[in-house]
Amino acid sequence: MNKILFFLILASSILMAGGFDNLGYHSRVIALGGAYTGVGDASYTVFYNPAGLINIDKFEIASTYNQLYSGLDDQLYFLIFSSTIPLFNFGRFGAGITHLKAGAWQENTLILSYAKDIGNLGIGGSFKLLRWGAQAAPGETNQSYIGYTFDAGLFYKIEQVFGSGVLKFGAVVQDLTQPSIAVNGSDDARLPMKLTAGISYYSTIYDYLFALDLTKENENFILRAGSEFLGLKTKTFGIESGLYLRGGYNGLINNTPFKQSALNGGFGVFINKLKIDYAYVTNLQIVGFGDSHKISFTYQF
């Protein structure tokens, strides 16, 4: 029964332009409640704010396995890969790939991003290629779609705030062209334009981070907030390691019959240039499907 109900929800969300939703691109961000627009310090910023690429000056790769709704009989999964290539004085280049598998449904995104810093101000943009495919029942024709859209973002940071802290601001417009993802191009299946503003503060002395995002999507306002603390940082025989603890919340803050919210938590460990992150999501409104588990790997060369 849970599986049938889920696919009914999935089908209705596609009809209402709910396809290509943010299902969690990296465990660290998920554990922060999704607040990352004003953080932008790793390759997966291509999924949140391309202008954040200005903060990355090394080649980096990241990958995430996202288990969705563990209470279902058939596991659904969401795979993500991202990377960055610094072009130094010529800017920063980033790329991302997503793959969602849900029974007969497949959904893919390819993102190519570029950012350039002008002083402390970063300007960035992304080209996004979108594809979905649905396997039909025997005797019927398979359905598929290919389209594209764009994101544009800004990023600004102020150093030496409250001593040695760094205050960052980010803003992004996603899905600028609002493409219809229906085969027949129906306006009812247009992706909504999403406007997000974010702020974060990082203490370089005490190694803690606070982040806050506010998103407007159609008539809805979504609040995301999270914190991160680095502890047990050590260096033994030249090998640095440490443990991150994280927590976050996200949810709609305006009155709507489709109220949704979630409490997130997680942890991460790093050993030199390798980071392994885990996140756990408890859905407060959508019950009966089980909670979600995410694991990510990030390596910086």
Protein backbone atom coordinates (compact mmCIF):
# COMPACT_ATOMS: atom_id res chain seq x y z
CA MET A 1 0.00 0.00 0.00
CA ASN A 2 2.86 2.40 0.84
CA LYS A 3 4.44 1.76 -2.56
CA ILE A 4 1.19 2.47 -4.41
CA LEU A 5 0.61 5.64 -2.43
CA PHE A 6 4.15 6.85 -3.10
CA PHE A 7 3.89 6.46 -6.85
CA LEU A 8 0.56 8.30 -6.79
CA ILE A 9 2.31 11.16 -5.00
CA LEU A 10 5.20 11.02 -7.48
CA ALA A 11 2.88 11.08 -10.48
CA SER A 12 0.86 14.00 -9.11
CA SER A 13 4.03 15.95 -8.31
CA ILE A 14 5.23 15.59 -11.90
CA LEU A 15 1.90 16.86 -13.20
CA MET A 16 2.19 19.84 -10.85
CA ALA A 17 5.77 20.60 -11.98
CA GLY A 18 7.33 18.88 -8.98
CA GLY A 19 9.89 17.00 -11.08
CA PHE A 20 13.62 17.68 -10.71
CA ASP A 21 13.13 18.62 -7.07
CA ASN A 22 16.04 19.06 -4.69
CA LEU A 23 16.12 15.63 -3.02
CA GLY A 24 19.42 16.31 -1.29
CA TYR A 25 22.63 16.70 -3.29
CA HIS A 26 25.15 16.23 -0.48
CA SER A 27 24.91 14.74 3.00
CA ARG A 28 26.59 17.72 4.62
CA VAL A 29 24.07 20.16 3.16
CA ILE A 30 21.17 17.84 3.99
CA ALA A 31 22.32 17.67 7.62
CA LEU A 32 22.41 21.50 7.62
CA GLY A 33 18.73 21.52 6.72
CA GLY A 34 19.58 22.45 3.12
CA ALA A 35 21.00 25.87 4.04
CA TYR A 36 23.93 26.32 1.68
CA THR A 37 23.30 29.29 -0.63
CA GLY A 38 25.50 31.51 1.54
CA VAL A 39 28.11 28.81 2.30
CA GLY A 40 29.34 27.69 -1.13
CA ASP A 41 32.67 26.17 -0.12
CA ALA A 42 32.68 22.85 -2.04
CA SER A 43 32.06 21.46 -5.53
CA TYR A 44 28.40 20.63 -4.80
CA THR A 45 27.68 24.36 -4.72
CA VAL A 46 26.85 23.93 -8.43
CA PHE A 47 23.49 22.51 -7.28
CA TYR A 48 22.78 25.37 -4.87
CA ASN A 49 24.57 28.55 -5.98
CA PRO A 50 27.09 28.51 -8.86
CA ALA A 51 28.67 31.77 -7.66
CA GLY A 52 30.01 29.87 -4.63
CA LEU A 53 32.61 28.33 -6.94
CA ILE A 54 34.80 31.40 -6.32
CA ASN A 55 35.66 29.93 -2.91
CA ILE A 56 37.23 26.75 -4.35
CA ASP A 57 40.82 26.99 -5.54
CA LYS A 58 41.61 23.28 -5.96
CA PHE A 59 40.37 20.41 -8.08
CA GLU A 60 37.67 18.57 -6.15
CA ILE A 61 35.23 15.71 -6.67
CA ALA A 62 32.20 14.70 -4.60
CA SER A 63 29.63 11.92 -4.81
CA THR A 64 26.45 11.11 -2.86
CA TYR A 65 24.21 8.08 -2.49
CA ASN A 66 20.78 9.12 -1.31
CA GLN A 67 18.40 6.39 -0.06
CA LEU A 68 14.83 7.67 -0.27
CA TYR A 69 11.96 6.43 1.92
CA SER A 70 13.47 3.32 3.49
CA GLY A 71 9.99 2.06 4.47
CA LEU A 72 9.08 1.14 0.89
CA ASP A 73 9.42 -2.42 -0.37
CA ASP A 74 11.37 -1.30 -3.45
CA GLN A 75 14.24 1.01 -2.60
CA LEU A 76 14.42 4.30 -4.43
CA TYR A 77 17.79 5.92 -4.88
CA PHE A 78 19.31 9.21 -5.97
CA LEU A 79 22.96 9.35 -7.13
CA ILE A 80 24.90 12.61 -7.43
CA PHE A 81 28.37 13.54 -8.69
CA SER A 82 30.05 16.94 -8.81
CA SER A 83 33.49 18.36 -9.50
CA THR A 84 35.34 21.65 -9.79
CA ILE A 85 38.25 22.78 -11.91
CA PRO A 86 39.94 26.07 -10.90
CA LEU A 87 40.90 28.25 -13.83
CA PHE A 88 42.66 30.69 -11.47
CA ASN A 89 42.60 34.20 -13.01
CA PHE A 90 40.05 33.02 -15.57
CA GLY A 91 37.47 31.96 -12.99
CA ARG A 92 36.14 28.62 -11.76
CA PHE A 93 34.42 25.81 -13.65
CA GLY A 94 32.13 23.22 -12.08
CA ALA A 95 29.96 20.32 -13.20
CA GLY A 96 27.29 18.13 -11.67
CA ILE A 97 25.30 15.02 -12.61
CA THR A 98 22.23 13.53 -10.92
CA HIS A 99 20.44 10.23 -11.45
CA LEU A 100 17.09 9.39 -9.83
CA LYS A 101 15.69 5.86 -10.16
CA ALA A 102 12.15 5.15 -8.99
CA GLY A 103 10.79 1.94 -10.49
CA ALA A 104 10.02 2.60 -14.16
CA TRP A 105 10.86 6.29 -13.73
CA GLN A 106 14.34 7.76 -14.37
CA GLU A 107 15.37 11.37 -14.03
CA ASN A 108 18.74 12.93 -14.90
CA THR A 109 20.32 16.37 -14.74
CA LEU A 110 23.61 17.61 -16.18
CA ILE A 111 24.89 20.95 -14.83
CA LEU A 112 27.76 23.01 -16.24
CA SER A 113 28.69 26.03 -14.10
CA TYR A 114 31.09 28.95 -14.24
CA ALA A 115 31.92 31.68 -11.73
CA LYS A 116 34.24 34.68 -11.65
CA ASP A 117 35.21 36.76 -8.65
CA ILE A 118 35.48 40.54 -8.76
CA GLY A 119 37.09 41.45 -5.47
CA ASN A 120 34.98 39.80 -2.81
CA LEU A 121 31.97 39.59 -5.14
CA GLY A 122 31.34 36.41 -7.08
CA ILE A 123 29.09 36.12 -10.14
CA GLY A 124 28.13 32.71 -11.48
CA GLY A 125 25.77 30.87 -13.77
CA SER A 126 24.75 27.32 -14.68
CA PHE A 127 23.39 25.61 -17.76
CA LYS A 128 21.17 22.65 -16.81
CA LEU A 129 20.22 19.84 -19.19
CA LEU A 130 17.13 17.97 -17.96
CA ARG A 131 15.94 14.52 -18.94
CA TRP A 132 13.33 12.07 -17.71
CA GLY A 133 12.12 8.74 -19.03
CA ALA A 134 9.20 6.50 -18.09
CA GLN A 135 8.96 2.87 -19.12
CA ALA A 136 5.45 2.07 -20.32
CA ALA A 137 3.44 -1.09 -19.85
CA PRO A 138 3.70 -3.78 -22.57
CA GLY A 139 2.02 -2.64 -25.77
CA GLU A 140 2.32 1.06 -24.92
CA THR A 141 4.88 3.68 -25.94
CA ASN A 142 7.61 4.76 -23.54
CA GLN A 143 7.59 8.43 -22.59
CA SER A 144 10.63 10.73 -22.34
CA TYR A 145 11.58 14.40 -22.17
CA ILE A 146 14.73 16.47 -22.77
CA GLY A 147 14.96 20.17 -21.99
CA TYR A 148 17.18 22.81 -20.46
CA THR A 149 17.16 25.82 -18.16
CA PHE A 150 19.56 28.18 -16.35
CA ASP A 151 20.57 29.32 -12.86
CA ALA A 152 22.29 32.60 -11.90
CA GLY A 153 23.87 33.50 -8.59
CA LEU A 154 25.80 36.08 -6.57
CA PHE A 155 28.18 35.59 -3.67
CA TYR A 156 29.81 38.08 -1.31
CA LYS A 157 31.99 37.58 1.75
CA ILE A 158 33.36 39.79 4.51
CA GLU A 159 36.38 38.62 6.49
CA GLN A 160 37.52 39.53 10.00
CA VAL A 161 33.96 39.76 11.34
CA PHE A 162 33.67 39.47 15.13
CA GLY A 163 37.40 38.90 15.26
CA SER A 164 38.52 36.29 12.77
CA GLY A 165 35.13 35.13 11.51
CA VAL A 166 33.90 35.12 7.91
CA LEU A 167 30.43 36.40 7.02
CA LYS A 168 29.06 35.26 3.66
CA PHE A 169 26.00 36.21 1.63
CA GLY A 170 24.55 34.37 -1.34
CA ALA A 171 21.61 34.79 -3.69
CA VAL A 172 20.48 32.59 -6.56
CA VAL A 173 17.69 32.36 -9.12
CA GLN A 174 17.07 28.79 -10.27
CA ASP A 175 15.21 27.54 -13.33
CA LEU A 176 15.11 30.98 -14.93
CA THR A 177 13.30 29.85 -18.08
CA GLN A 178 10.66 27.84 -16.18
CA PRO A 179 10.59 25.04 -18.77
CA SER A 180 7.63 22.71 -19.06
CA ILE A 181 8.73 19.15 -18.36
CA ALA A 182 5.60 17.61 -19.88
CA VAL A 183 5.85 15.76 -23.19
CA ASN A 184 3.13 17.98 -24.64
CA GLY A 185 4.63 21.17 -23.20
CA SER A 186 1.69 21.84 -20.88
CA ASP A 187 1.94 25.02 -18.80
CA ASP A 188 0.72 23.02 -15.79
CA ALA A 189 4.06 21.17 -15.77
CA ARG A 190 6.36 24.19 -15.79
CA LEU A 191 9.19 24.13 -13.27
CA PRO A 192 8.74 27.03 -10.86
CA MET A 193 11.37 29.73 -10.65
CA LYS A 194 13.05 29.58 -7.23
CA LEU A 195 14.54 32.65 -5.54
CA THR A 196 16.85 32.02 -2.59
CA ALA A 197 18.88 34.29 -0.32
CA GLY A 198 21.32 32.86 2.20
CA ILE A 199 23.71 33.98 4.92
CA SER A 200 26.37 32.10 6.89
CA TYR A 201 28.95 32.80 9.56
CA TYR A 202 32.07 30.72 10.10
CA SER A 203 34.46 31.07 13.04
CA THR A 204 38.01 30.24 12.01
CA ILE A 205 39.10 30.04 15.66
CA TYR A 206 36.39 27.80 17.10
CA ASP A 207 35.49 25.95 13.88
CA TYR A 208 31.73 26.38 13.92
CA LEU A 209 29.32 27.37 11.15
CA PHE A 210 25.78 28.76 11.18
CA ALA A 211 23.75 29.04 7.97
CA LEU A 212 20.29 30.31 7.05
CA ASP A 213 18.40 30.23 3.71
CA LEU A 214 15.03 31.64 2.69
CA THR A 215 13.48 30.43 -0.58
CA LYS A 216 10.45 31.68 -2.50
CA GLU A 217 8.90 29.08 -4.81
CA ASN A 218 5.56 30.03 -6.35
CA GLU A 219 3.50 31.20 -3.37
CA ASN A 220 5.50 29.22 -0.83
CA PHE A 221 8.29 30.42 1.46
CA ILE A 222 10.76 27.80 2.70
CA LEU A 223 13.08 28.35 5.66
CA ARG A 224 16.26 26.31 6.00
CA ALA A 225 18.67 26.58 8.91
CA GLY A 226 21.61 24.55 10.12
CA SER A 227 24.78 24.48 12.20
CA GLU A 228 28.08 22.61 12.05
CA PHE A 229 30.74 22.08 14.70
CA LEU A 230 34.20 20.63 14.21
CA GLY A 231 35.61 18.67 17.14
CA LEU A 232 38.29 16.11 17.92
CA LYS A 233 40.64 17.73 15.44
CA THR A 234 44.04 16.07 15.66
CA LYS A 235 47.25 15.60 13.72
CA THR A 236 49.19 12.35 14.13
CA PHE A 237 52.25 11.38 12.10
CA GLY A 238 51.39 14.17 9.67
CA ILE A 239 47.81 12.93 9.17
CA GLU A 240 45.08 15.42 10.04
CA SER A 241 41.64 14.21 11.07
CA GLY A 242 38.50 15.52 12.72
CA LEU A 243 34.81 14.94 13.39
CA TYR A 244 31.93 17.21 12.34
CA LEU A 245 28.56 17.28 14.09
CA ARG A 246 25.61 18.87 12.27
CA GLY A 247 21.92 19.60 12.70
CA GLY A 248 19.28 21.45 10.72
CA TYR A 249 15.63 22.16 10.03
CA ASN A 250 13.64 23.03 6.92
CA GLY A 251 9.99 23.67 6.30
CA LEU A 252 7.30 25.87 4.76
CA ILE A 253 6.64 28.95 6.86
CA ASN A 254 3.49 30.24 5.15
CA ASN A 255 -0.01 28.85 5.60
CA THR A 256 -0.68 26.04 3.11
CA PRO A 257 -2.63 22.77 3.16
CA PHE A 258 0.55 21.02 1.96
CA LYS A 259 2.64 21.84 5.03
CA GLN A 260 5.96 19.98 5.06
CA SER A 261 8.94 20.10 7.37
CA ALA A 262 11.87 17.93 8.40
CA LEU A 263 14.48 17.68 11.13
CA ASN A 264 17.90 16.69 9.83
CA GLY A 265 21.09 15.60 11.52
CA GLY A 266 24.39 14.04 10.65
CA PHE A 267 28.10 13.86 11.08
CA GLY A 268 31.25 13.88 9.00
CA VAL A 269 34.84 12.80 9.33
CA PHE A 270 37.88 13.96 7.41
CA ILE A 271 41.27 12.36 6.99
CA ASN A 272 43.61 14.75 5.25
CA LYS A 273 41.89 15.56 1.94
CA LEU A 274 39.14 12.92 2.15
CA LYS A 275 35.78 13.71 3.75
CA ILE A 276 32.99 11.22 4.47
CA ASP A 277 29.59 12.64 5.45
CA TYR A 278 26.35 11.06 6.63
CA ALA A 279 22.89 12.59 7.05
CA TYR A 280 19.61 11.35 8.49
CA VAL A 281 16.24 12.93 7.68
CA THR A 282 13.05 12.57 9.71
CA ASN A 283 9.95 13.73 7.83
CA LEU A 284 7.52 15.37 10.25
CA GLN A 285 4.46 15.43 7.96
CA ILE A 286 5.00 12.57 5.47
CA VAL A 287 4.80 9.46 7.62
CA GLY A 288 4.68 5.76 6.81
CA PHE A 289 7.48 5.75 4.23
CA GLY A 290 10.36 5.58 6.69
CA ASP A 291 13.18 8.06 7.10
CA SER A 292 16.01 8.78 4.67
CA HIS A 293 19.73 8.04 4.84
CA LYS A 294 22.44 9.78 2.81
CA ILE A 295 26.17 9.22 2.51
CA SER A 296 28.70 11.35 0.62
CA PHE A 297 32.38 11.30 -0.27
CA THR A 298 34.45 14.39 -1.10
CA TYR A 299 38.10 14.50 -2.12
CA GLN A 300 40.19 17.59 -2.79
CA PHE A 301 43.42 17.22 -4.74
